[in-house]
Amino acid sequence: MRTIRVETSAATILLTEAPEPRVRDRQTGEIAKDAVSGEALMTTGVVYIEDGESSLIKVTVPEGGVSEGLNLGAPVSLPGLVARPWESVFNGQQRHGIAFRAAAVTPAAFPAAMGATA
């Protein structure tokens, strides 16, 4: 399925949930792995703010892409962020959404305020 690159240069992204292992099978507790590298996958929650609008999203990141020094409420960077639409049928009901994936989640700085003077 097609992936869509997400341009983040004009956005403020704040960490709302610490990264934790992505569970593939809730009954067995099996951790999801990247299909190509076999690396364990993590999910993290962020608020994505751009043009005065915000969205809470979950982002999947390879375990090796999770940086040290991440703090809840602090700005983060999501290099390589892509969105992938998905749909499936579960218990006879069609479901759909957008899955987000990034190469890493790293600490970032708050953007400078527009028009601020020193």
PDB file of N, CA and C in Angstrom:
ATOM      1  N   MET A   1       0.845  -1.174   0.000  1.00  0.00           N
ATOM      2  CA  MET A   1       0.000   0.000   0.000  1.00  0.00           C
ATOM      3  C   MET A   1       0.895   1.243   0.000  1.00  0.00           C
ATOM      4  N   ARG A   2       0.421   2.293  -0.562  1.00  0.00           N
ATOM      5  CA  ARG A   2       1.182   3.535  -0.723  1.00  0.00           C
ATOM      6  C   ARG A   2       1.469   4.203   0.619  1.00  0.00           C
ATOM      7  N   THR A   3       2.692   4.743   0.736  1.00  0.00           N
ATOM      8  CA  THR A   3       3.032   5.554   1.900  1.00  0.00           C
ATOM      9  C   THR A   3       3.170   7.002   1.445  1.00  0.00           C
ATOM     10  N   ILE A   4       2.840   7.919   2.331  1.00  0.00           N
ATOM     11  CA  ILE A   4       2.862   9.345   2.034  1.00  0.00           C
ATOM     12  C   ILE A   4       3.823  10.015   3.011  1.00  0.00           C
ATOM     13  N   ARG A   5       4.821  10.708   2.490  1.00  0.00           N
ATOM     14  CA  ARG A   5       5.760  11.419   3.362  1.00  0.00           C
ATOM     15  C   ARG A   5       5.058  12.582   4.041  1.00  0.00           C
ATOM     16  N   VAL A   6       5.363  12.772   5.316  1.00  0.00           N
ATOM     17  CA  VAL A   6       4.773  13.870   6.085  1.00  0.00           C
ATOM     18  C   VAL A   6       5.854  14.918   6.318  1.00  0.00           C
ATOM     19  N   GLU A   7       5.629  16.109   5.809  1.00  0.00           N
ATOM     20  CA  GLU A   7       6.566  17.221   5.978  1.00  0.00           C
ATOM     21  C   GLU A   7       6.362  17.802   7.376  1.00  0.00           C
ATOM     22  N   THR A   8       7.409  17.774   8.201  1.00  0.00           N
ATOM     23  CA  THR A   8       7.276  18.192   9.597  1.00  0.00           C
ATOM     24  C   THR A   8       7.999  19.497   9.923  1.00  0.00           C
ATOM     25  N   SER A   9       8.630  20.127   8.939  1.00  0.00           N
ATOM     26  CA  SER A   9       9.467  21.299   9.238  1.00  0.00           C
ATOM     27  C   SER A   9       8.678  22.472   9.819  1.00  0.00           C
ATOM     28  N   ALA A  10       7.394  22.610   9.497  1.00  0.00           N
ATOM     29  CA  ALA A  10       6.586  23.718  10.012  1.00  0.00           C
ATOM     30  C   ALA A  10       5.759  23.316  11.234  1.00  0.00           C
ATOM     31  N   ALA A  11       5.944  22.108  11.720  1.00  0.00           N
ATOM     32  CA  ALA A  11       5.126  21.591  12.823  1.00  0.00           C
ATOM     33  C   ALA A  11       5.888  21.602  14.141  1.00  0.00           C
ATOM     34  N   THR A  12       5.129  21.668  15.221  1.00  0.00           N
ATOM     35  CA  THR A  12       5.653  21.430  16.554  1.00  0.00           C
ATOM     36  C   THR A  12       5.112  20.064  16.972  1.00  0.00           C
ATOM     37  N   ILE A  13       6.003  19.175  17.399  1.00  0.00           N
ATOM     38  CA  ILE A  13       5.606  17.823  17.784  1.00  0.00           C
ATOM     39  C   ILE A  13       6.036  17.621  19.230  1.00  0.00           C
ATOM     40  N   LEU A  14       5.066  17.308  20.105  1.00  0.00           N
ATOM     41  CA  LEU A  14       5.336  17.124  21.533  1.00  0.00           C
ATOM     42  C   LEU A  14       5.065  15.688  21.934  1.00  0.00           C
ATOM     43  N   LEU A  15       5.935  15.129  22.751  1.00  0.00           N
ATOM     44  CA  LEU A  15       5.794  13.755  23.225  1.00  0.00           C
ATOM     45  C   LEU A  15       4.692  13.673  24.282  1.00  0.00           C
ATOM     46  N   THR A  16       3.691  12.818  24.061  1.00  0.00           N
ATOM     47  CA  THR A  16       2.598  12.657  25.021  1.00  0.00           C
ATOM     48  C   THR A  16       2.594  11.294  25.691  1.00  0.00           C
ATOM     49  N   GLU A  17       3.246  10.300  25.068  1.00  0.00           N
ATOM     50  CA  GLU A  17       3.341   8.950  25.641  1.00  0.00           C
ATOM     51  C   GLU A  17       4.737   8.410  25.397  1.00  0.00           C
ATOM     52  N   ALA A  18       5.367   7.910  26.438  1.00  0.00           N
ATOM     53  CA  ALA A  18       6.706   7.335  26.317  1.00  0.00           C
ATOM     54  C   ALA A  18       6.675   6.127  25.377  1.00  0.00           C
ATOM     55  N   PRO A  19       7.745   5.916  24.616  1.00  0.00           N
ATOM     56  CA  PRO A  19       7.796   4.747  23.737  1.00  0.00           C
ATOM     57  C   PRO A  19       7.682   3.449  24.531  1.00  0.00           C
ATOM     58  N   GLU A  20       6.902   2.524  23.981  1.00  0.00           N
ATOM     59  CA  GLU A  20       6.766   1.201  24.592  1.00  0.00           C
ATOM     60  C   GLU A  20       6.671   0.164  23.475  1.00  0.00           C
ATOM     61  N   PRO A  21       6.990  -1.090  23.768  1.00  0.00           N
ATOM     62  CA  PRO A  21       6.960  -2.116  22.726  1.00  0.00           C
ATOM     63  C   PRO A  21       5.577  -2.227  22.085  1.00  0.00           C
ATOM     64  N   ARG A  22       5.571  -2.379  20.766  1.00  0.00           N
ATOM     65  CA  ARG A  22       4.317  -2.572  20.035  1.00  0.00           C
ATOM     66  C   ARG A  22       3.969  -4.061  20.091  1.00  0.00           C
ATOM     67  N   VAL A  23       2.791  -4.352  20.597  1.00  0.00           N
ATOM     68  CA  VAL A  23       2.364  -5.742  20.749  1.00  0.00           C
ATOM     69  C   VAL A  23       1.675  -6.191  19.465  1.00  0.00           C
ATOM     70  N   ARG A  24       2.153  -7.297  18.913  1.00  0.00           N
ATOM     71  CA  ARG A  24       1.561  -7.837  17.679  1.00  0.00           C
ATOM     72  C   ARG A  24       0.337  -8.670  17.998  1.00  0.00           C
ATOM     73  N   ASP A  25       0.440  -9.484  19.051  1.00  0.00           N
ATOM     74  CA  ASP A  25      -0.652 -10.383  19.433  1.00  0.00           C
ATOM     75  C   ASP A  25      -0.923 -10.194  20.918  1.00  0.00           C
ATOM     76  N   ARG A  26      -2.059  -9.615  21.247  1.00  0.00           N
ATOM     77  CA  ARG A  26      -2.377  -9.318  22.656  1.00  0.00           C
ATOM     78  C   ARG A  26      -2.575 -10.579  23.486  1.00  0.00           C
ATOM     79  N   GLN A  27      -3.006 -11.654  22.857  1.00  0.00           N
ATOM     80  CA  GLN A  27      -3.227 -12.893  23.611  1.00  0.00           C
ATOM     81  C   GLN A  27      -1.910 -13.537  24.039  1.00  0.00           C
ATOM     82  N   THR A  28      -0.903 -13.496  23.165  1.00  0.00           N
ATOM     83  CA  THR A  28       0.379 -14.128  23.490  1.00  0.00           C
ATOM     84  C   THR A  28       1.411 -13.131  24.009  1.00  0.00           C
ATOM     85  N   GLY A  29       1.167 -11.829  23.789  1.00  0.00           N
ATOM     86  CA  GLY A  29       2.131 -10.813  24.203  1.00  0.00           C
ATOM     87  C   GLY A  29       3.286 -10.668  23.224  1.00  0.00           C
ATOM     88  N   GLU A  30       3.183 -11.281  22.050  1.00  0.00           N
ATOM     89  CA  GLU A  30       4.249 -11.222  21.051  1.00  0.00           C
ATOM     90  C   GLU A  30       4.483  -9.775  20.617  1.00  0.00           C
ATOM     91  N   ILE A  31       5.756  -9.377  20.599  1.00  0.00           N
ATOM     92  CA  ILE A  31       6.146  -8.030  20.197  1.00  0.00           C
ATOM     93  C   ILE A  31       6.273  -7.978  18.676  1.00  0.00           C
ATOM     94  N   ALA A  32       5.768  -6.906  18.065  1.00  0.00           N
ATOM     95  CA  ALA A  32       5.843  -6.731  16.619  1.00  0.00           C
ATOM     96  C   ALA A  32       7.293  -6.495  16.204  1.00  0.00           C
ATOM     97  N   LYS A  33       7.645  -7.041  15.048  1.00  0.00           N
ATOM     98  CA  LYS A  33       8.997  -6.897  14.502  1.00  0.00           C
ATOM     99  C   LYS A  33       8.906  -6.284  13.102  1.00  0.00           C
ATOM    100  N   ASP A  34       9.938  -5.534  12.723  1.00  0.00           N
ATOM    101  CA  ASP A  34      10.013  -4.986  11.377  1.00  0.00           C
ATOM    102  C   ASP A  34      10.161  -6.146  10.391  1.00  0.00           C
ATOM    103  N   ALA A  35       9.371  -6.113   9.315  1.00  0.00           N
ATOM    104  CA  ALA A  35       9.358  -7.208   8.350  1.00  0.00           C
ATOM    105  C   ALA A  35      10.700  -7.367   7.635  1.00  0.00           C
ATOM    106  N   VAL A  36      11.448  -6.287   7.458  1.00  0.00           N
ATOM    107  CA  VAL A  36      12.713  -6.349   6.728  1.00  0.00           C
ATOM    108  C   VAL A  36      13.889  -6.613   7.663  1.00  0.00           C
ATOM    109  N   SER A  37      14.023  -5.808   8.718  1.00  0.00           N
ATOM    110  CA  SER A  37      15.199  -5.905   9.592  1.00  0.00           C
ATOM    111  C   SER A  37      15.027  -6.890  10.747  1.00  0.00           C
ATOM    112  N   GLY A  38      13.787  -7.197  11.107  1.00  0.00           N
ATOM    113  CA  GLY A  38      13.541  -8.067  12.250  1.00  0.00           C
ATOM    114  C   GLY A  38      13.665  -7.350  13.588  1.00  0.00           C
ATOM    115  N   GLU A  39      13.920  -6.043  13.546  1.00  0.00           N
ATOM    116  CA  GLU A  39      14.070  -5.258  14.773  1.00  0.00           C
ATOM    117  C   GLU A  39      12.714  -5.065  15.455  1.00  0.00           C
ATOM    118  N   ALA A  40      12.717  -5.093  16.790  1.00  0.00           N
ATOM    119  CA  ALA A  40      11.486  -4.863  17.549  1.00  0.00           C
ATOM    120  C   ALA A  40      10.959  -3.457  17.265  1.00  0.00           C
ATOM    121  N   LEU A  41       9.630  -3.322  17.258  1.00  0.00           N
ATOM    122  CA  LEU A  41       8.992  -2.035  16.998  1.00  0.00           C
ATOM    123  C   LEU A  41       8.429  -1.446  18.285  1.00  0.00           C
ATOM    124  N   MET A  42       8.469  -0.132  18.367  1.00  0.00           N
ATOM    125  CA  MET A  42       7.961   0.606  19.517  1.00  0.00           C
ATOM    126  C   MET A  42       6.869   1.547  19.025  1.00  0.00           C
ATOM    127  N   THR A  43       5.942   1.910  19.920  1.00  0.00           N
ATOM    128  CA  THR A  43       4.955   2.941  19.594  1.00  0.00           C
ATOM    129  C   THR A  43       5.092   4.060  20.612  1.00  0.00           C
ATOM    130  N   THR A  44       4.826   5.258  20.151  1.00  0.00           N
ATOM    131  CA  THR A  44       4.868   6.423  21.024  1.00  0.00           C
ATOM    132  C   THR A  44       3.732   7.355  20.630  1.00  0.00           C
ATOM    133  N   GLY A  45       3.253   8.120  21.569  1.00  0.00           N
ATOM    134  CA  GLY A  45       2.189   9.072  21.296  1.00  0.00           C
ATOM    135  C   GLY A  45       2.747  10.476  21.232  1.00  0.00           C
ATOM    136  N   VAL A  46       2.263  11.246  20.252  1.00  0.00           N
ATOM    137  CA  VAL A  46       2.679  12.642  20.108  1.00  0.00           C
ATOM    138  C   VAL A  46       1.472  13.498  19.783  1.00  0.00           C
ATOM    139  N   VAL A  47       1.593  14.785  20.053  1.00  0.00           N
ATOM    140  CA  VAL A  47       0.620  15.749  19.539  1.00  0.00           C
ATOM    141  C   VAL A  47       1.351  16.506  18.438  1.00  0.00           C
ATOM    142  N   TYR A  48       0.725  16.532  17.264  1.00  0.00           N
ATOM    143  CA  TYR A  48       1.281  17.166  16.074  1.00  0.00           C
ATOM    144  C   TYR A  48       0.541  18.482  15.890  1.00  0.00           C
ATOM    145  N   ILE A  49       1.260  19.606  15.993  1.00  0.00           N
ATOM    146  CA  ILE A  49       0.645  20.938  15.928  1.00  0.00           C
ATOM    147  C   ILE A  49       1.190  21.680  14.710  1.00  0.00           C
ATOM    148  N   GLU A  50       0.255  22.121  13.849  1.00  0.00           N
ATOM    149  CA  GLU A  50       0.649  22.880  12.667  1.00  0.00           C
ATOM    150  C   GLU A  50      -0.503  23.781  12.254  1.00  0.00           C
ATOM    151  N   ASP A  51      -0.198  25.016  11.907  1.00  0.00           N
ATOM    152  CA  ASP A  51      -1.194  25.994  11.453  1.00  0.00           C
ATOM    153  C   ASP A  51      -2.356  26.144  12.435  1.00  0.00           C
ATOM    154  N   GLY A  52      -2.056  26.128  13.730  1.00  0.00           N
ATOM    155  CA  GLY A  52      -3.079  26.338  14.748  1.00  0.00           C
ATOM    156  C   GLY A  52      -3.983  25.144  14.998  1.00  0.00           C
ATOM    157  N   GLU A  53      -3.715  24.010  14.368  1.00  0.00           N
ATOM    158  CA  GLU A  53      -4.507  22.794  14.583  1.00  0.00           C
ATOM    159  C   GLU A  53      -3.618  21.714  15.176  1.00  0.00           C
ATOM    160  N   SER A  54      -4.216  20.836  15.981  1.00  0.00           N
ATOM    161  CA  SER A  54      -3.430  19.767  16.592  1.00  0.00           C
ATOM    162  C   SER A  54      -4.137  18.425  16.432  1.00  0.00           C
ATOM    163  N   SER A  55      -3.317  17.377  16.408  1.00  0.00           N
ATOM    164  CA  SER A  55      -3.826  16.003  16.329  1.00  0.00           C
ATOM    165  C   SER A  55      -2.982  15.120  17.220  1.00  0.00           C
ATOM    166  N   LEU A  56      -3.647  14.237  17.966  1.00  0.00           N
ATOM    167  CA  LEU A  56      -2.935  13.218  18.723  1.00  0.00           C
ATOM    168  C   LEU A  56      -2.741  12.019  17.808  1.00  0.00           C
ATOM    169  N   ILE A  57      -1.497  11.571  17.663  1.00  0.00           N
ATOM    170  CA  ILE A  57      -1.237  10.419  16.809  1.00  0.00           C
ATOM    171  C   ILE A  57      -0.299   9.445  17.504  1.00  0.00           C
ATOM    172  N   LYS A  58      -0.389   8.184  17.106  1.00  0.00           N
ATOM    173  CA  LYS A  58       0.539   7.141  17.551  1.00  0.00           C
ATOM    174  C   LYS A  58       1.512   6.916  16.408  1.00  0.00           C
ATOM    175  N   VAL A  59       2.780   6.806  16.728  1.00  0.00           N
ATOM    176  CA  VAL A  59       3.814   6.615  15.714  1.00  0.00           C
ATOM    177  C   VAL A  59       4.614   5.368  16.065  1.00  0.00           C
ATOM    178  N   THR A  60       4.845   4.524  15.056  1.00  0.00           N
ATOM    179  CA  THR A  60       5.669   3.331  15.220  1.00  0.00           C
ATOM    180  C   THR A  60       7.096   3.673  14.817  1.00  0.00           C
ATOM    181  N   VAL A  61       8.057   3.237  15.659  1.00  0.00           N
ATOM    182  CA  VAL A  61       9.475   3.522  15.450  1.00  0.00           C
ATOM    183  C   VAL A  61      10.257   2.251  15.756  1.00  0.00           C
ATOM    184  N   PRO A  62      11.312   1.942  14.978  1.00  0.00           N
ATOM    185  CA  PRO A  62      12.145   0.804  15.344  1.00  0.00           C
ATOM    186  C   PRO A  62      12.814   1.050  16.704  1.00  0.00           C
ATOM    187  N   GLU A  63      13.014   0.000  17.463  1.00  0.00           N
ATOM    188  CA  GLU A  63      13.576   0.143  18.805  1.00  0.00           C
ATOM    189  C   GLU A  63      14.893   0.907  18.803  1.00  0.00           C
ATOM    190  N   GLY A  64      15.741   0.677  17.808  1.00  0.00           N
ATOM    191  CA  GLY A  64      17.025   1.367  17.717  1.00  0.00           C
ATOM    192  C   GLY A  64      16.899   2.843  17.401  1.00  0.00           C
ATOM    193  N   GLY A  65      15.727   3.298  16.976  1.00  0.00           N
ATOM    194  CA  GLY A  65      15.500   4.695  16.647  1.00  0.00           C
ATOM    195  C   GLY A  65      14.987   5.523  17.809  1.00  0.00           C
ATOM    196  N   VAL A  66      14.794   4.899  18.969  1.00  0.00           N
ATOM    197  CA  VAL A  66      14.309   5.618  20.145  1.00  0.00           C
ATOM    198  C   VAL A  66      15.512   6.203  20.883  1.00  0.00           C
ATOM    199  N   SER A  67      15.607   7.529  20.904  1.00  0.00           N
ATOM    200  CA  SER A  67      16.740   8.209  21.533  1.00  0.00           C
ATOM    201  C   SER A  67      16.594   8.291  23.043  1.00  0.00           C
ATOM    202  N   GLU A  68      17.718   8.425  23.716  1.00  0.00           N
ATOM    203  CA  GLU A  68      17.735   8.705  25.148  1.00  0.00           C
ATOM    204  C   GLU A  68      17.344  10.163  25.357  1.00  0.00           C
ATOM    205  N   GLY A  69      16.899  10.497  26.549  1.00  0.00           N
ATOM    206  CA  GLY A  69      16.617  11.880  26.893  1.00  0.00           C
ATOM    207  C   GLY A  69      15.254  12.383  26.449  1.00  0.00           C
ATOM    208  N   LEU A  70      14.328  11.480  26.143  1.00  0.00           N
ATOM    209  CA  LEU A  70      12.973  11.888  25.778  1.00  0.00           C
ATOM    210  C   LEU A  70      12.188  12.190  27.050  1.00  0.00           C
ATOM    211  N   ASN A  71      11.493  13.329  27.070  1.00  0.00           N
ATOM    212  CA  ASN A  71      10.705  13.724  28.230  1.00  0.00           C
ATOM    213  C   ASN A  71       9.276  14.030  27.801  1.00  0.00           C
ATOM    214  N   LEU A  72       8.303  13.544  28.578  1.00  0.00           N
ATOM    215  CA  LEU A  72       6.903  13.827  28.271  1.00  0.00           C
ATOM    216  C   LEU A  72       6.667  15.327  28.238  1.00  0.00           C
ATOM    217  N   GLY A  73       5.927  15.787  27.239  1.00  0.00           N
ATOM    218  CA  GLY A  73       5.619  17.200  27.080  1.00  0.00           C
ATOM    219  C   GLY A  73       6.675  17.978  26.332  1.00  0.00           C
ATOM    220  N   ALA A  74       7.818  17.371  26.094  1.00  0.00           N
ATOM    221  CA  ALA A  74       8.919  18.049  25.405  1.00  0.00           C
ATOM    222  C   ALA A  74       8.809  17.867  23.896  1.00  0.00           C
ATOM    223  N   PRO A  75       9.384  18.803  23.136  1.00  0.00           N
ATOM    224  CA  PRO A  75       9.355  18.664  21.684  1.00  0.00           C
ATOM    225  C   PRO A  75      10.247  17.517  21.220  1.00  0.00           C
ATOM    226  N   VAL A  76       9.802  16.853  20.155  1.00  0.00           N
ATOM    227  CA  VAL A  76      10.571  15.764  19.555  1.00  0.00           C
ATOM    228  C   VAL A  76      10.601  15.942  18.042  1.00  0.00           C
ATOM    229  N   SER A  77      11.523  15.251  17.432  1.00  0.00           N
ATOM    230  CA  SER A  77      11.637  15.205  15.983  1.00  0.00           C
ATOM    231  C   SER A  77      11.325  13.778  15.540  1.00  0.00           C
ATOM    232  N   LEU A  78      10.655  13.645  14.396  1.00  0.00           N
ATOM    233  CA  LEU A  78      10.313  12.337  13.835  1.00  0.00           C
ATOM    234  C   LEU A  78      10.870  12.244  12.409  1.00  0.00           C
ATOM    235  N   PRO A  79      12.179  12.027  12.266  1.00  0.00           N
ATOM    236  CA  PRO A  79      12.747  11.957  10.919  1.00  0.00           C
ATOM    237  C   PRO A  79      12.141  10.799  10.129  1.00  0.00           C
ATOM    238  N   GLY A  80      11.903  11.053   8.845  1.00  0.00           N
ATOM    239  CA  GLY A  80      11.362  10.014   7.975  1.00  0.00           C
ATOM    240  C   GLY A  80       9.909   9.675   8.233  1.00  0.00           C
ATOM    241  N   LEU A  81       9.141  10.605   8.811  1.00  0.00           N
ATOM    242  CA  LEU A  81       7.735  10.319   9.136  1.00  0.00           C
ATOM    243  C   LEU A  81       6.923  10.093   7.857  1.00  0.00           C
ATOM    244  N   VAL A  82       6.198   8.973   7.826  1.00  0.00           N
ATOM    245  CA  VAL A  82       5.309   8.657   6.712  1.00  0.00           C
ATOM    246  C   VAL A  82       3.951   8.237   7.261  1.00  0.00           C
ATOM    247  N   ALA A  83       2.928   8.425   6.432  1.00  0.00           N
ATOM    248  CA  ALA A  83       1.566   8.011   6.763  1.00  0.00           C
ATOM    249  C   ALA A  83       1.158   6.942   5.753  1.00  0.00           C
ATOM    250  N   ARG A  84       0.464   5.914   6.237  1.00  0.00           N
ATOM    251  CA  ARG A  84       0.000   4.852   5.347  1.00  0.00           C
ATOM    252  C   ARG A  84      -1.454   4.556   5.661  1.00  0.00           C
ATOM    253  N   PRO A  85      -2.365   4.795   4.699  1.00  0.00           N
ATOM    254  CA  PRO A  85      -3.770   4.440   4.925  1.00  0.00           C
ATOM    255  C   PRO A  85      -3.915   2.920   5.011  1.00  0.00           C
ATOM    256  N   TRP A  86      -4.847   2.454   5.848  1.00  0.00           N
ATOM    257  CA  TRP A  86      -5.085   1.015   5.968  1.00  0.00           C
ATOM    258  C   TRP A  86      -6.578   0.764   6.118  1.00  0.00           C
ATOM    259  N   GLU A  87      -6.975  -0.452   5.814  1.00  0.00           N
ATOM    260  CA  GLU A  87      -8.344  -0.881   6.069  1.00  0.00           C
ATOM    261  C   GLU A  87      -8.347  -2.389   6.256  1.00  0.00           C
ATOM    262  N   SER A  88      -9.288  -2.857   7.061  1.00  0.00           N
ATOM    263  CA  SER A  88      -9.416  -4.289   7.310  1.00  0.00           C
ATOM    264  C   SER A  88     -10.832  -4.585   7.779  1.00  0.00           C
ATOM    265  N   VAL A  89     -11.159  -5.860   7.790  1.00  0.00           N
ATOM    266  CA  VAL A  89     -12.449  -6.308   8.295  1.00  0.00           C
ATOM    267  C   VAL A  89     -12.170  -7.090   9.573  1.00  0.00           C
ATOM    268  N   PHE A  90     -12.824  -6.691  10.672  1.00  0.00           N
ATOM    269  CA  PHE A  90     -12.644  -7.338  11.960  1.00  0.00           C
ATOM    270  C   PHE A  90     -14.017  -7.646  12.530  1.00  0.00           C
ATOM    271  N   ASN A  91     -14.282  -8.912  12.803  1.00  0.00           N
ATOM    272  CA  ASN A  91     -15.594  -9.347  13.304  1.00  0.00           C
ATOM    273  C   ASN A  91     -16.738  -8.843  12.426  1.00  0.00           C
ATOM    274  N   GLY A  92     -16.523  -8.889  11.111  1.00  0.00           N
ATOM    275  CA  GLY A  92     -17.565  -8.504  10.174  1.00  0.00           C
ATOM    276  C   GLY A  92     -17.737  -7.014   9.976  1.00  0.00           C
ATOM    277  N   GLN A  93     -16.928  -6.203  10.668  1.00  0.00           N
ATOM    278  CA  GLN A  93     -17.033  -4.753  10.523  1.00  0.00           C
ATOM    279  C   GLN A  93     -15.788  -4.212   9.838  1.00  0.00           C
ATOM    280  N   GLN A  94     -16.010  -3.347   8.852  1.00  0.00           N
ATOM    281  CA  GLN A  94     -14.885  -2.746   8.152  1.00  0.00           C
ATOM    282  C   GLN A  94     -14.315  -1.612   8.981  1.00  0.00           C
ATOM    283  N   ARG A  95     -13.005  -1.618   9.117  1.00  0.00           N
ATOM    284  CA  ARG A  95     -12.302  -0.579   9.863  1.00  0.00           C
ATOM    285  C   ARG A  95     -11.264   0.047   8.944  1.00  0.00           C
ATOM    286  N   HIS A  96     -10.918   1.296   9.213  1.00  0.00           N
ATOM    287  CA  HIS A  96      -9.902   1.965   8.411  1.00  0.00           C
ATOM    288  C   HIS A  96      -9.255   3.066   9.234  1.00  0.00           C
ATOM    289  N   GLY A  97      -8.103   3.512   8.785  1.00  0.00           N
ATOM    290  CA  GLY A  97      -7.396   4.571   9.486  1.00  0.00           C
ATOM    291  C   GLY A  97      -6.106   4.915   8.785  1.00  0.00           C
ATOM    292  N   ILE A  98      -5.242   5.603   9.501  1.00  0.00           N
ATOM    293  CA  ILE A  98      -3.936   5.985   8.982  1.00  0.00           C
ATOM    294  C   ILE A  98      -2.892   5.547  10.007  1.00  0.00           C
ATOM    295  N   ALA A  99      -1.890   4.804   9.541  1.00  0.00           N
ATOM    296  CA  ALA A  99      -0.787   4.368  10.393  1.00  0.00           C
ATOM    297  C   ALA A  99       0.399   5.294  10.136  1.00  0.00           C
ATOM    298  N   PHE A 100       1.070   5.718  11.201  1.00  0.00           N
ATOM    299  CA  PHE A 100       2.229   6.590  11.083  1.00  0.00           C
ATOM    300  C   PHE A 100       3.481   5.836  11.496  1.00  0.00           C
ATOM    301  N   ARG A 101       4.558   6.053  10.755  1.00  0.00           N
ATOM    302  CA  ARG A 101       5.825   5.395  11.062  1.00  0.00           C
ATOM    303  C   ARG A 101       6.957   6.384  10.819  1.00  0.00           C
ATOM    304  N   ALA A 102       7.972   6.347  11.681  1.00  0.00           N
ATOM    305  CA  ALA A 102       9.145   7.213  11.540  1.00  0.00           C
ATOM    306  C   ALA A 102      10.399   6.369  11.731  1.00  0.00           C
ATOM    307  N   ALA A 103      11.508   6.880  11.232  1.00  0.00           N
ATOM    308  CA  ALA A 103      12.782   6.185  11.379  1.00  0.00           C
ATOM    309  C   ALA A 103      13.299   6.289  12.811  1.00  0.00           C
ATOM    310  N   ALA A 104      12.903   7.373  13.499  1.00  0.00           N
ATOM    311  CA  ALA A 104      13.399   7.604  14.860  1.00  0.00           C
ATOM    312  C   ALA A 104      12.505   8.609  15.567  1.00  0.00           C
ATOM    313  N   VAL A 105      12.681   8.684  16.889  1.00  0.00           N
ATOM    314  CA  VAL A 105      12.086   9.744  17.697  1.00  0.00           C
ATOM    315  C   VAL A 105      13.225  10.293  18.549  1.00  0.00           C
ATOM    316  N   THR A 106      13.499  11.592  18.371  1.00  0.00           N
ATOM    317  CA  THR A 106      14.643  12.210  19.026  1.00  0.00           C
ATOM    318  C   THR A 106      14.227  13.515  19.693  1.00  0.00           C
ATOM    319  N   PRO A 107      14.940  13.937  20.739  1.00  0.00           N
ATOM    320  CA  PRO A 107      14.626  15.230  21.357  1.00  0.00           C
ATOM    321  C   PRO A 107      14.821  16.357  20.350  1.00  0.00           C
ATOM    322  N   ALA A 108      14.022  17.400  20.472  1.00  0.00           N
ATOM    323  CA  ALA A 108      14.109  18.572  19.599  1.00  0.00           C
ATOM    324  C   ALA A 108      13.965  19.817  20.463  1.00  0.00           C
ATOM    325  N   ALA A 109      14.022  20.972  19.832  1.00  0.00           N
ATOM    326  CA  ALA A 109      13.869  22.247  20.538  1.00  0.00           C
ATOM    327  C   ALA A 109      12.547  22.872  20.135  1.00  0.00           C
ATOM    328  N   PHE A 110      11.986  23.679  21.035  1.00  0.00           N
ATOM    329  CA  PHE A 110      10.792  24.441  20.674  1.00  0.00           C
ATOM    330  C   PHE A 110      11.182  25.414  19.572  1.00  0.00           C
ATOM    331  N   PRO A 111      10.294  25.602  18.570  1.00  0.00           N
ATOM    332  CA  PRO A 111      10.615  26.571  17.518  1.00  0.00           C
ATOM    333  C   PRO A 111      10.630  27.985  18.087  1.00  0.00           C
ATOM    334  N   ALA A 112      11.446  28.835  17.491  1.00  0.00           N
ATOM    335  CA  ALA A 112      11.497  30.233  17.931  1.00  0.00           C
ATOM    336  C   ALA A 112      10.167  30.893  17.634  1.00  0.00           C
ATOM    337  N   ALA A 113       9.693  31.709  18.552  1.00  0.00           N
ATOM    338  CA  ALA A 113       8.395  32.400  18.363  1.00  0.00           C
ATOM    339  C   ALA A 113       8.513  33.365  17.199  1.00  0.00           C
ATOM    340  N   MET A 114       7.479  33.392  16.377  1.00  0.00           N
ATOM    341  CA  MET A 114       7.460  34.288  15.219  1.00  0.00           C
ATOM    342  C   MET A 114       7.391  35.734  15.729  1.00  0.00           C
ATOM    343  N   GLY A 115       8.267  36.586  15.227  1.00  0.00           N
ATOM    344  CA  GLY A 115       8.218  37.995  15.565  1.00  0.00           C
ATOM    345  C   GLY A 115       8.780  38.316  16.942  1.00  0.00           C
ATOM    346  N   ALA A 116       9.397  37.356  17.609  1.00  0.00           N
ATOM    347  CA  ALA A 116       9.948  37.611  18.939  1.00  0.00           C
ATOM    348  C   ALA A 116      11.209  38.460  18.810  1.00  0.00           C
ATOM    349  N   THR A 117      11.422  39.316  19.785  1.00  0.00           N
ATOM    350  CA  THR A 117      12.631  40.137  19.792  1.00  0.00           C
ATOM    351  C   THR A 117      13.485  39.766  20.979  1.00  0.00           C
ATOM    352  N   ALA A 118      14.778  39.920  20.821  1.00  0.00           N
ATOM    353  CA  ALA A 118      15.695  39.533  21.908  1.00  0.00           C
ATOM    354  C   ALA A 118      15.957  40.676  22.836  1.00  0.00           C
TER     355      ALA A 118
END
